[in-house]
Amino acid sequence: MAKQFKKSANKVQRVVKKASPAKKVSKKTGRSGGRAVLATPKGEFVAAIGRRKTATARVRLYLTAGDYIVNDRPMAEHFNTLRDAEKLFTQPFKITDTLGRYSVSAKVEGSGSASQLDAVTMGIARALVKVDSDYKKVLRDAGFITRDPRMKESRKPGRGGKARAKRQSPKR
């Protein structure tokens, strides 16, 4: 009886493996699979780099109005795990009264999503300063030009795996 059950279970597994899941149709594109089609900004741009912890953002600030793209995805999709990401992302534009005048394309790598967002906003601020040097004082006062130097402390040998962990001393 057990042998018969094993044989029938193998047949069921083979059938299940052959069946493929149905492709979902995206509401944005109307196509199955794939992401939404983005209009990549074109034309003149100003490049800048922003950093935070181990995150590095290479930002291109295009001098035409358009979308905010991070790692070939819309900004809201890339930073969807963060609360108020769009508000923080557009803060340099709001401070300088340039919201809606520029489009942004950024490539970010390293660290976590919160640090990546900080790196991108720093890159945007540096690019805005390159566009118009009058923005520098306003952005510096808001804290977007100054790099945050806080990093994860490196671990030391013989410390039990953590940076500040101490070995337990014997009591007796």
Protein backbone atom coordinates (compact mmCIF):
# COMPACT_ATOMS: atom_id res chain seq x y z
CA MET A 1 0.00 0.00 0.00
CA ALA A 2 2.83 2.39 0.85
CA LYS A 3 4.51 1.71 -2.51
CA GLN A 4 1.32 2.56 -4.36
CA PHE A 5 1.01 5.80 -2.44
CA LYS A 6 4.60 6.78 -3.29
CA LYS A 7 4.03 6.11 -6.98
CA SER A 8 0.87 8.20 -7.07
CA ALA A 9 2.56 11.00 -5.10
CA ASN A 10 5.38 11.11 -7.69
CA LYS A 11 2.84 11.43 -10.50
CA VAL A 12 1.13 14.31 -8.70
CA GLN A 13 4.46 16.10 -8.19
CA ARG A 14 5.32 15.72 -11.87
CA VAL A 15 1.98 17.22 -12.88
CA VAL A 16 2.38 20.10 -10.43
CA LYS A 17 5.89 20.86 -11.71
CA LYS A 18 4.66 21.01 -15.33
CA ALA A 19 1.91 23.50 -14.56
CA SER A 20 3.16 27.09 -14.64
CA PRO A 21 1.53 30.00 -12.83
CA ALA A 22 -0.52 32.40 -14.91
CA LYS A 23 1.19 35.70 -15.67
CA LYS A 24 -0.30 38.71 -13.98
CA VAL A 25 -1.29 41.66 -16.13
CA SER A 26 0.04 44.96 -14.83
CA LYS A 27 -2.48 47.76 -14.32
CA LYS A 28 0.09 50.42 -15.23
CA THR A 29 1.39 48.96 -18.48
CA GLY A 30 -1.42 46.67 -19.56
CA ARG A 31 1.22 44.03 -20.31
CA SER A 32 1.93 40.79 -18.54
CA GLY A 33 5.07 40.80 -16.38
CA GLY A 34 7.54 43.68 -16.72
CA ARG A 35 7.59 47.05 -15.04
CA ALA A 36 5.96 50.30 -16.01
CA VAL A 37 7.60 52.01 -18.95
CA LEU A 38 9.45 55.10 -17.78
CA ALA A 39 10.39 58.09 -19.82
CA THR A 40 14.12 58.30 -19.18
CA PRO A 41 15.16 61.94 -18.98
CA LYS A 42 17.24 63.25 -21.86
CA GLY A 43 19.24 66.39 -22.54
CA GLU A 44 21.59 68.43 -20.42
CA PHE A 45 22.25 67.27 -16.88
CA VAL A 46 24.40 68.05 -13.87
CA ALA A 47 26.06 65.09 -12.13
CA ALA A 48 26.81 64.82 -8.42
CA ILE A 49 27.61 62.13 -5.86
CA GLY A 50 25.97 61.69 -2.48
CA ARG A 51 27.08 59.32 0.28
CA ARG A 52 25.72 58.02 3.58
CA LYS A 53 27.20 55.12 5.58
CA THR A 54 28.20 52.71 2.79
CA ALA A 55 25.56 53.91 0.32
CA THR A 56 26.76 55.80 -2.74
CA ALA A 57 24.38 57.61 -5.07
CA ARG A 58 25.37 58.88 -8.52
CA VAL A 59 22.76 61.51 -9.29
CA ARG A 60 21.99 63.18 -12.59
CA LEU A 61 19.85 66.30 -12.34
CA TYR A 62 18.30 66.96 -15.75
CA LEU A 63 17.44 70.55 -16.56
CA THR A 64 13.99 69.59 -17.88
CA ALA A 65 10.89 68.66 -15.90
CA GLY A 66 10.15 64.96 -15.59
CA ASP A 67 10.16 61.85 -13.43
CA TYR A 68 12.30 60.88 -10.46
CA ILE A 69 14.03 57.60 -11.32
CA VAL A 70 16.19 55.55 -8.94
CA ASN A 71 17.93 52.39 -10.23
CA ASP A 72 15.71 52.36 -13.36
CA ARG A 73 12.53 52.35 -11.28
CA PRO A 74 10.23 55.15 -10.12
CA MET A 75 11.42 56.70 -6.88
CA ALA A 76 8.23 55.68 -5.02
CA GLU A 77 8.70 52.06 -6.10
CA HIS A 78 12.37 51.91 -5.11
CA PHE A 79 11.81 53.44 -1.66
CA ASN A 80 8.40 51.83 -1.04
CA THR A 81 9.47 50.43 2.35
CA LEU A 82 10.21 53.86 3.79
CA ARG A 83 7.62 56.13 5.29
CA ASP A 84 7.54 59.69 3.85
CA ALA A 85 10.17 58.79 1.24
CA GLU A 86 8.76 61.14 -1.38
CA LYS A 87 8.66 64.01 1.12
CA LEU A 88 12.33 63.48 2.04
CA PHE A 89 13.33 62.96 -1.61
CA THR A 90 11.79 66.26 -2.74
CA GLN A 91 12.94 68.29 0.29
CA PRO A 92 15.96 69.91 -1.48
CA PHE A 93 13.62 71.05 -4.28
CA LYS A 94 11.08 72.49 -1.82
CA ILE A 95 13.74 74.40 0.09
CA THR A 96 15.10 75.99 -3.09
CA ASP A 97 11.64 76.53 -4.67
CA THR A 98 12.54 74.39 -7.69
CA LEU A 99 9.95 71.62 -7.28
CA GLY A 100 8.80 70.43 -10.71
CA ARG A 101 11.60 72.15 -12.65
CA TYR A 102 14.03 69.25 -12.81
CA SER A 103 13.99 65.50 -13.34
CA VAL A 104 16.31 63.13 -11.51
CA SER A 105 17.99 59.89 -12.48
CA ALA A 106 20.04 58.15 -9.78
CA LYS A 107 22.02 54.95 -9.40
CA VAL A 108 22.37 53.86 -5.77
CA GLU A 109 24.25 50.95 -4.26
CA GLY A 110 25.31 49.81 -0.81
CA SER A 111 23.84 50.01 2.68
CA GLY A 112 20.09 49.99 3.41
CA SER A 113 17.19 51.85 1.88
CA ALA A 114 17.14 54.67 4.46
CA SER A 115 20.83 55.42 3.91
CA GLN A 116 20.32 55.18 0.16
CA LEU A 117 17.58 57.79 0.39
CA ASP A 118 19.86 60.10 2.39
CA ALA A 119 22.62 59.59 -0.19
CA VAL A 120 20.28 60.49 -3.06
CA THR A 121 19.01 63.65 -1.34
CA MET A 122 22.61 64.72 -0.70
CA GLY A 123 23.42 64.11 -4.37
CA ILE A 124 20.40 66.17 -5.44
CA ALA A 125 21.46 69.01 -3.12
CA ARG A 126 25.02 68.98 -4.51
CA ALA A 127 23.69 69.00 -8.07
CA LEU A 128 21.41 71.96 -7.26
CA VAL A 129 24.43 73.86 -5.92
CA LYS A 130 26.24 73.19 -9.22
CA VAL A 131 23.23 74.57 -11.10
CA ASP A 132 23.00 77.72 -8.99
CA SER A 133 25.55 78.54 -6.27
CA ASP A 134 23.01 80.75 -4.46
CA TYR A 135 21.32 77.59 -3.17
CA LYS A 136 24.39 76.54 -1.18
CA LYS A 137 23.69 78.52 2.00
CA VAL A 138 20.03 77.50 2.13
CA LEU A 139 20.83 73.81 1.58
CA ARG A 140 23.74 73.87 4.05
CA ASP A 141 21.51 75.41 6.76
CA ALA A 142 18.99 72.60 6.13
CA GLY A 143 21.79 70.02 6.47
CA PHE A 144 21.81 68.59 2.94
CA ILE A 145 25.35 69.58 1.94
CA THR A 146 27.17 68.27 5.01
CA ARG A 147 28.01 64.57 4.82
CA ASP A 148 26.91 62.56 7.83
CA PRO A 149 30.15 60.88 9.01
CA ARG A 150 28.51 58.21 11.19
CA MET A 151 29.49 54.72 10.07
CA LYS A 152 29.18 51.24 11.50
CA GLU A 153 32.09 50.56 13.82
CA SER A 154 34.40 47.87 12.50
CA ARG A 155 34.79 44.72 14.55
CA LYS A 156 38.05 43.92 16.33
CA PRO A 157 39.68 40.49 16.57
CA GLY A 158 39.11 38.56 19.79
CA ARG A 159 35.95 40.45 20.69
CA GLY A 160 33.31 37.78 20.21
CA GLY A 161 32.04 38.89 16.82
CA LYS A 162 30.91 42.42 17.71
CA ALA A 163 32.80 45.70 17.67
CA ARG A 164 32.58 46.44 21.39
CA ALA A 165 31.86 43.02 22.86
CA LYS A 166 34.25 41.92 25.59
CA ARG A 167 35.26 38.42 26.50
CA GLN A 168 33.55 37.13 29.60
CA SER A 169 36.01 36.80 32.45
CA PRO A 170 35.89 33.62 34.57
CA LYS A 171 34.44 34.12 38.06
CA ARG A 172 36.37 31.36 39.86
